[in-house]
């Protein structure tokens, strides 16, 4: 079996106190280590690095070749992935707005019919179970 290309989508943009500042990066780093140890290729999609604006127009609403370059590149990265791992904090019983904004910019057809994993976390008593 050939190694998979796995897109790991981080879901937090938080920074600063309280410590640890961004638990999602720590969870994502652990998952990337597990995937790499099994021989898979990992592409981390961090909403801080992507710096996508709040959704106004998704990728699929643009004419071919007319989407902003940043969006074209993200679409290509996700299209080329064999599988997805979404790493999300639990915010008010739901996934994070940063993760949803990233996914909604691309649309579900790019990620359809591919294996995926959702890894949710929380420092609270439920540990992300409600996200």
N, C-alpha and C. Protein backbone atom coordinates (compact mmCIF):
# COMPACT_ATOMS: atom_id res chain seq x y z
N UNK A 1 0.84 -1.18 0.00
CA UNK A 1 0.00 0.00 0.00
C UNK A 1 0.88 1.24 0.00
N UNK A 2 0.58 2.18 -0.87
CA UNK A 2 1.37 3.41 -0.94
C UNK A 2 1.00 4.33 0.21
N UNK A 3 1.92 5.18 0.62
CA UNK A 3 1.60 6.15 1.68
C UNK A 3 0.49 7.10 1.23
N UNK A 4 -0.30 7.53 2.19
CA UNK A 4 -1.36 8.49 1.91
C UNK A 4 -0.84 9.92 2.03
N UNK A 5 -1.43 10.81 1.26
CA UNK A 5 -1.21 12.24 1.44
C UNK A 5 -2.36 12.72 2.32
N UNK A 6 -2.03 13.13 3.53
CA UNK A 6 -3.05 13.50 4.51
C UNK A 6 -2.99 14.99 4.79
N UNK A 7 -4.11 15.68 4.59
CA UNK A 7 -4.21 17.09 4.94
C UNK A 7 -4.72 17.17 6.38
N UNK A 8 -3.93 17.78 7.24
CA UNK A 8 -4.31 17.98 8.64
C UNK A 8 -4.76 19.43 8.77
N UNK A 9 -6.07 19.62 9.00
CA UNK A 9 -6.64 20.96 9.09
C UNK A 9 -6.74 21.36 10.56
N UNK A 10 -5.92 22.32 10.96
CA UNK A 10 -5.98 22.82 12.33
C UNK A 10 -7.16 23.77 12.46
N UNK A 11 -7.73 23.85 13.66
CA UNK A 11 -8.95 24.62 13.81
C UNK A 11 -8.89 25.75 14.81
N UNK A 12 -7.71 26.16 15.22
CA UNK A 12 -7.66 27.23 16.21
C UNK A 12 -6.73 28.35 15.76
N UNK A 13 -7.14 29.57 16.05
CA UNK A 13 -6.31 30.74 15.78
C UNK A 13 -5.89 31.43 17.08
N UNK A 14 -6.23 30.82 18.20
CA UNK A 14 -5.94 31.44 19.49
C UNK A 14 -4.44 31.55 19.74
N UNK A 15 -4.09 32.62 20.43
CA UNK A 15 -2.71 32.84 20.82
C UNK A 15 -2.72 33.65 22.11
N UNK A 16 -1.71 33.45 22.90
CA UNK A 16 -1.60 34.22 24.13
C UNK A 16 -2.12 33.47 25.33
N UNK A 17 -2.18 34.14 26.49
CA UNK A 17 -2.61 33.47 27.72
C UNK A 17 -4.04 32.98 27.62
N UNK A 18 -4.50 32.00 28.33
CA UNK A 18 -3.72 31.23 29.29
C UNK A 18 -2.83 30.21 28.59
N UNK A 19 -1.85 29.76 29.30
CA UNK A 19 -0.93 28.76 28.75
C UNK A 19 -1.51 27.37 28.94
N UNK A 20 -1.33 26.42 28.02
CA UNK A 20 -0.66 26.59 26.74
C UNK A 20 -1.50 27.42 25.80
N UNK A 21 -0.82 28.25 25.02
CA UNK A 21 -1.52 29.23 24.18
C UNK A 21 -2.42 28.58 23.14
N UNK A 22 -1.95 27.60 22.43
CA UNK A 22 -2.74 26.98 21.37
C UNK A 22 -2.62 25.47 21.50
N UNK A 23 -3.56 24.86 22.19
CA UNK A 23 -3.55 23.42 22.40
C UNK A 23 -3.70 22.67 21.08
N UNK A 24 -4.39 23.26 20.12
CA UNK A 24 -4.61 22.62 18.83
C UNK A 24 -3.32 22.33 18.09
N UNK A 25 -2.35 23.22 18.17
CA UNK A 25 -1.07 22.98 17.51
C UNK A 25 -0.37 21.78 18.15
N UNK A 26 -0.49 21.65 19.45
CA UNK A 26 0.12 20.50 20.13
C UNK A 26 -0.56 19.20 19.72
N UNK A 27 -1.89 19.20 19.64
CA UNK A 27 -2.63 18.01 19.21
C UNK A 27 -2.28 17.70 17.76
N UNK A 28 -2.24 18.72 16.91
CA UNK A 28 -1.89 18.53 15.51
C UNK A 28 -0.48 17.98 15.33
N UNK A 29 0.45 18.48 16.12
CA UNK A 29 1.84 18.00 16.05
C UNK A 29 1.91 16.52 16.42
N UNK A 30 1.16 16.12 17.44
CA UNK A 30 1.13 14.71 17.84
C UNK A 30 0.57 13.86 16.70
N UNK A 31 -0.55 14.28 16.11
CA UNK A 31 -1.16 13.51 15.03
C UNK A 31 -0.25 13.44 13.81
N UNK A 32 0.43 14.52 13.49
CA UNK A 32 1.38 14.52 12.37
C UNK A 32 2.51 13.53 12.64
N UNK A 33 2.99 13.48 13.88
CA UNK A 33 4.03 12.52 14.24
C UNK A 33 3.58 11.09 14.05
N UNK A 34 2.35 10.79 14.45
CA UNK A 34 1.80 9.44 14.28
C UNK A 34 1.69 9.10 12.80
N UNK A 35 1.17 10.02 12.01
CA UNK A 35 1.02 9.78 10.57
C UNK A 35 2.37 9.62 9.87
N UNK A 36 3.33 10.47 10.22
CA UNK A 36 4.68 10.37 9.64
C UNK A 36 5.34 9.05 10.02
N UNK A 37 5.17 8.63 11.27
CA UNK A 37 5.77 7.37 11.72
C UNK A 37 5.22 6.18 10.94
N UNK A 38 4.02 6.31 10.43
CA UNK A 38 3.42 5.23 9.63
C UNK A 38 3.70 5.40 8.14
N UNK A 39 4.54 6.37 7.81
CA UNK A 39 4.98 6.54 6.43
C UNK A 39 4.11 7.43 5.56
N UNK A 40 3.15 8.13 6.14
CA UNK A 40 2.27 8.98 5.35
C UNK A 40 2.85 10.38 5.19
N UNK A 41 2.49 11.02 4.11
CA UNK A 41 2.89 12.40 3.83
C UNK A 41 1.85 13.33 4.43
N UNK A 42 2.28 14.34 5.18
CA UNK A 42 1.35 15.22 5.88
C UNK A 42 1.48 16.65 5.37
N UNK A 43 0.34 17.29 5.14
CA UNK A 43 0.27 18.69 4.75
C UNK A 43 -0.59 19.39 5.78
N UNK A 44 0.00 20.27 6.58
CA UNK A 44 -0.73 20.96 7.64
C UNK A 44 -1.35 22.24 7.08
N UNK A 45 -2.66 22.37 7.27
CA UNK A 45 -3.40 23.58 6.87
C UNK A 45 -3.76 24.32 8.15
N UNK A 46 -3.04 25.39 8.42
CA UNK A 46 -3.23 26.17 9.64
C UNK A 46 -3.98 27.46 9.29
N UNK A 47 -5.14 27.71 9.92
CA UNK A 47 -5.89 28.92 9.58
C UNK A 47 -5.12 30.21 9.86
N UNK A 48 -4.15 30.17 10.76
CA UNK A 48 -3.33 31.36 11.02
C UNK A 48 -2.48 31.66 9.79
N UNK A 49 -1.89 30.62 9.21
CA UNK A 49 -1.04 30.80 8.02
C UNK A 49 -1.87 31.12 6.78
N UNK A 50 -3.04 30.50 6.66
CA UNK A 50 -3.88 30.72 5.49
C UNK A 50 -4.48 32.12 5.49
N UNK A 51 -4.80 32.63 6.66
CA UNK A 51 -5.34 33.99 6.83
C UNK A 51 -6.50 34.28 5.87
N UNK A 52 -7.43 33.34 5.79
CA UNK A 52 -8.61 33.54 4.96
C UNK A 52 -9.55 34.54 5.61
N UNK A 53 -10.18 35.39 4.82
CA UNK A 53 -11.15 36.32 5.40
C UNK A 53 -12.42 35.56 5.78
N UNK A 54 -13.31 36.21 6.49
CA UNK A 54 -14.61 35.59 6.75
C UNK A 54 -15.25 35.30 5.40
N UNK A 55 -15.94 34.18 5.32
CA UNK A 55 -16.47 33.73 4.05
C UNK A 55 -17.48 34.70 3.46
N UNK A 56 -17.20 35.15 2.25
CA UNK A 56 -18.13 35.95 1.46
C UNK A 56 -18.44 35.20 0.17
N UNK A 57 -17.38 34.65 -0.46
CA UNK A 57 -17.53 33.94 -1.73
C UNK A 57 -16.63 32.71 -1.70
N UNK A 58 -17.21 31.51 -1.74
CA UNK A 58 -16.39 30.30 -1.71
C UNK A 58 -15.68 30.05 -3.05
N UNK A 59 -14.69 29.18 -3.00
CA UNK A 59 -13.89 28.87 -4.19
C UNK A 59 -14.75 28.49 -5.39
N UNK A 60 -15.73 27.62 -5.16
CA UNK A 60 -16.53 27.10 -6.28
C UNK A 60 -17.43 28.14 -6.93
N UNK A 61 -17.59 29.31 -6.31
CA UNK A 61 -18.43 30.36 -6.88
C UNK A 61 -17.66 31.23 -7.89
N UNK A 62 -16.35 31.04 -7.95
CA UNK A 62 -15.54 31.79 -8.92
C UNK A 62 -15.51 31.05 -10.26
N UNK A 63 -15.39 31.80 -11.33
CA UNK A 63 -15.17 31.19 -12.65
C UNK A 63 -13.79 30.52 -12.63
N UNK A 64 -13.59 29.47 -13.42
CA UNK A 64 -12.28 28.79 -13.44
C UNK A 64 -11.13 29.78 -13.66
N UNK A 65 -10.13 29.69 -12.78
CA UNK A 65 -8.96 30.55 -12.87
C UNK A 65 -9.15 31.96 -12.33
N UNK A 66 -10.32 32.27 -11.77
CA UNK A 66 -10.59 33.63 -11.29
C UNK A 66 -10.55 33.78 -9.77
N UNK A 67 -10.40 32.69 -9.05
CA UNK A 67 -10.34 32.75 -7.58
C UNK A 67 -9.02 33.41 -7.16
N UNK A 68 -9.01 34.03 -5.99
CA UNK A 68 -7.76 34.60 -5.49
C UNK A 68 -6.68 33.51 -5.41
N UNK A 69 -5.42 33.86 -5.67
CA UNK A 69 -4.34 32.88 -5.67
C UNK A 69 -4.25 32.04 -4.38
N UNK A 70 -4.49 32.67 -3.24
CA UNK A 70 -4.45 31.97 -1.97
C UNK A 70 -5.49 30.84 -1.94
N UNK A 71 -6.66 31.13 -2.46
CA UNK A 71 -7.76 30.16 -2.49
C UNK A 71 -7.48 29.06 -3.52
N UNK A 72 -6.91 29.42 -4.66
CA UNK A 72 -6.53 28.42 -5.68
C UNK A 72 -5.54 27.41 -5.09
N UNK A 73 -4.55 27.93 -4.37
CA UNK A 73 -3.53 27.06 -3.79
C UNK A 73 -4.13 26.13 -2.73
N UNK A 74 -4.99 26.67 -1.87
CA UNK A 74 -5.62 25.85 -0.84
C UNK A 74 -6.50 24.77 -1.47
N UNK A 75 -7.26 25.13 -2.47
CA UNK A 75 -8.11 24.16 -3.16
C UNK A 75 -7.26 23.03 -3.74
N UNK A 76 -6.16 23.38 -4.36
CA UNK A 76 -5.27 22.38 -4.96
C UNK A 76 -4.69 21.44 -3.90
N UNK A 77 -4.28 22.02 -2.77
CA UNK A 77 -3.73 21.20 -1.69
C UNK A 77 -4.76 20.19 -1.18
N UNK A 78 -5.99 20.65 -0.98
CA UNK A 78 -7.02 19.76 -0.45
C UNK A 78 -7.50 18.77 -1.50
N UNK A 79 -7.52 19.19 -2.74
CA UNK A 79 -7.91 18.29 -3.83
C UNK A 79 -6.91 17.14 -3.97
N UNK A 80 -5.63 17.43 -3.76
CA UNK A 80 -4.58 16.42 -3.91
C UNK A 80 -4.45 15.49 -2.70
N UNK A 81 -5.11 15.79 -1.62
CA UNK A 81 -5.03 14.94 -0.43
C UNK A 81 -5.83 13.66 -0.64
N UNK A 82 -5.32 12.57 -0.06
CA UNK A 82 -6.02 11.29 -0.09
C UNK A 82 -6.96 11.14 1.10
N UNK A 83 -6.66 11.87 2.18
CA UNK A 83 -7.43 11.76 3.41
C UNK A 83 -7.30 13.08 4.18
N UNK A 84 -8.19 13.25 5.16
CA UNK A 84 -8.22 14.49 5.94
C UNK A 84 -8.31 14.20 7.42
N UNK A 85 -7.63 15.05 8.20
CA UNK A 85 -7.76 15.02 9.65
C UNK A 85 -8.11 16.45 10.07
N UNK A 86 -9.27 16.62 10.69
CA UNK A 86 -9.67 17.93 11.20
C UNK A 86 -9.41 17.95 12.70
N UNK A 87 -8.63 18.91 13.14
CA UNK A 87 -8.28 19.06 14.56
C UNK A 87 -9.01 20.29 15.06
N UNK A 88 -9.98 20.10 15.95
CA UNK A 88 -10.80 21.24 16.36
C UNK A 88 -11.00 21.32 17.86
N UNK A 89 -10.93 22.52 18.40
CA UNK A 89 -11.34 22.70 19.79
C UNK A 89 -12.87 22.67 19.84
N UNK A 90 -13.38 22.45 21.02
CA UNK A 90 -14.83 22.54 21.22
C UNK A 90 -15.14 23.96 21.69
N UNK A 91 -15.88 24.68 20.88
CA UNK A 91 -16.31 26.03 21.24
C UNK A 91 -17.83 26.01 21.35
N UNK A 92 -18.35 26.13 22.55
CA UNK A 92 -19.80 26.19 22.76
C UNK A 92 -20.55 25.02 22.11
N UNK A 93 -20.05 23.83 22.35
CA UNK A 93 -20.66 22.59 21.85
C UNK A 93 -20.57 22.45 20.34
N UNK A 94 -19.59 23.05 19.71
CA UNK A 94 -19.47 23.01 18.25
C UNK A 94 -18.01 23.06 17.82
N UNK A 95 -17.73 22.73 16.55
CA UNK A 95 -16.36 22.91 16.03
C UNK A 95 -16.02 24.39 15.99
N UNK A 96 -14.75 24.66 15.83
CA UNK A 96 -14.30 26.05 15.85
C UNK A 96 -14.70 26.81 14.59
N UNK A 97 -14.97 28.10 14.72
CA UNK A 97 -15.27 28.93 13.54
C UNK A 97 -14.11 28.95 12.54
N UNK A 98 -12.88 28.90 13.02
CA UNK A 98 -11.72 28.94 12.11
C UNK A 98 -11.69 27.71 11.21
N UNK A 99 -11.97 26.53 11.77
CA UNK A 99 -12.01 25.31 10.97
C UNK A 99 -13.16 25.36 9.96
N UNK A 100 -14.33 25.75 10.43
CA UNK A 100 -15.49 25.82 9.54
C UNK A 100 -15.28 26.85 8.43
N UNK A 101 -14.64 27.96 8.73
CA UNK A 101 -14.36 28.98 7.71
C UNK A 101 -13.44 28.41 6.64
N UNK A 102 -12.42 27.68 7.04
CA UNK A 102 -11.49 27.07 6.07
C UNK A 102 -12.22 26.08 5.18
N UNK A 103 -12.99 25.18 5.79
CA UNK A 103 -13.71 24.16 5.02
C UNK A 103 -14.75 24.81 4.10
N UNK A 104 -15.47 25.80 4.60
CA UNK A 104 -16.53 26.43 3.81
C UNK A 104 -15.99 27.24 2.63
N UNK A 105 -14.74 27.70 2.72
CA UNK A 105 -14.14 28.40 1.59
C UNK A 105 -13.96 27.47 0.39
N UNK A 106 -13.80 26.19 0.65
CA UNK A 106 -13.52 25.24 -0.43
C UNK A 106 -14.78 24.52 -0.88
N UNK A 107 -15.58 24.06 0.02
CA UNK A 107 -16.79 23.33 -0.34
C UNK A 107 -16.59 21.83 -0.20
N UNK A 108 -17.68 21.15 0.01
CA UNK A 108 -17.61 19.72 0.33
C UNK A 108 -17.23 18.84 -0.84
N UNK A 109 -17.46 19.26 -2.07
CA UNK A 109 -17.18 18.39 -3.22
C UNK A 109 -15.69 18.06 -3.34
N UNK A 110 -14.83 18.93 -2.89
CA UNK A 110 -13.39 18.68 -2.95
C UNK A 110 -13.00 17.54 -2.00
N UNK A 111 -13.68 17.46 -0.86
CA UNK A 111 -13.31 16.48 0.15
C UNK A 111 -14.25 15.27 0.20
N UNK A 112 -15.18 15.20 -0.72
CA UNK A 112 -16.15 14.10 -0.70
C UNK A 112 -15.50 12.77 -1.04
N UNK A 113 -16.03 11.72 -0.44
CA UNK A 113 -15.67 10.34 -0.73
C UNK A 113 -14.20 10.02 -0.43
N UNK A 114 -13.63 10.72 0.53
CA UNK A 114 -12.27 10.43 0.98
C UNK A 114 -12.32 10.18 2.47
N UNK A 115 -11.44 9.32 2.99
CA UNK A 115 -11.46 9.06 4.44
C UNK A 115 -11.12 10.32 5.23
N UNK A 116 -11.76 10.45 6.37
CA UNK A 116 -11.50 11.60 7.22
C UNK A 116 -11.60 11.21 8.69
N UNK A 117 -10.98 12.02 9.51
CA UNK A 117 -10.97 11.84 10.95
C UNK A 117 -11.19 13.20 11.58
N UNK A 118 -12.01 13.25 12.61
CA UNK A 118 -12.19 14.47 13.37
C UNK A 118 -11.61 14.23 14.76
N UNK A 119 -10.64 15.04 15.11
CA UNK A 119 -10.03 14.96 16.44
C UNK A 119 -10.40 16.24 17.18
N UNK A 120 -11.30 16.12 18.14
CA UNK A 120 -11.71 17.30 18.90
C UNK A 120 -11.09 17.25 20.28
N UNK A 121 -10.90 18.42 20.86
CA UNK A 121 -10.27 18.51 22.17
C UNK A 121 -10.86 19.68 22.94
N UNK A 122 -10.69 19.61 24.24
CA UNK A 122 -11.10 20.69 25.12
C UNK A 122 -10.39 20.51 26.45
N UNK A 123 -10.09 21.59 27.09
CA UNK A 123 -9.49 21.52 28.41
C UNK A 123 -10.58 21.26 29.47
N UNK A 124 -11.83 21.31 29.06
CA UNK A 124 -12.94 21.10 29.97
C UNK A 124 -13.21 19.62 30.26
N UNK A 125 -14.23 19.38 31.04
CA UNK A 125 -14.52 18.02 31.51
C UNK A 125 -14.95 17.06 30.41
N UNK A 126 -15.46 17.55 29.28
CA UNK A 126 -15.93 16.67 28.23
C UNK A 126 -14.87 16.39 27.19
N UNK A 127 -13.77 17.08 27.22
CA UNK A 127 -12.64 16.80 26.34
C UNK A 127 -12.94 16.88 24.86
N UNK A 128 -13.87 17.71 24.44
CA UNK A 128 -14.17 17.89 23.03
C UNK A 128 -15.25 16.97 22.49
N UNK A 129 -15.89 16.19 23.33
CA UNK A 129 -16.88 15.20 22.88
C UNK A 129 -18.10 15.85 22.22
N UNK A 130 -18.39 17.10 22.54
CA UNK A 130 -19.60 17.74 22.01
C UNK A 130 -19.35 18.53 20.73
N UNK A 131 -18.10 18.60 20.28
CA UNK A 131 -17.80 19.34 19.05
C UNK A 131 -18.13 18.46 17.88
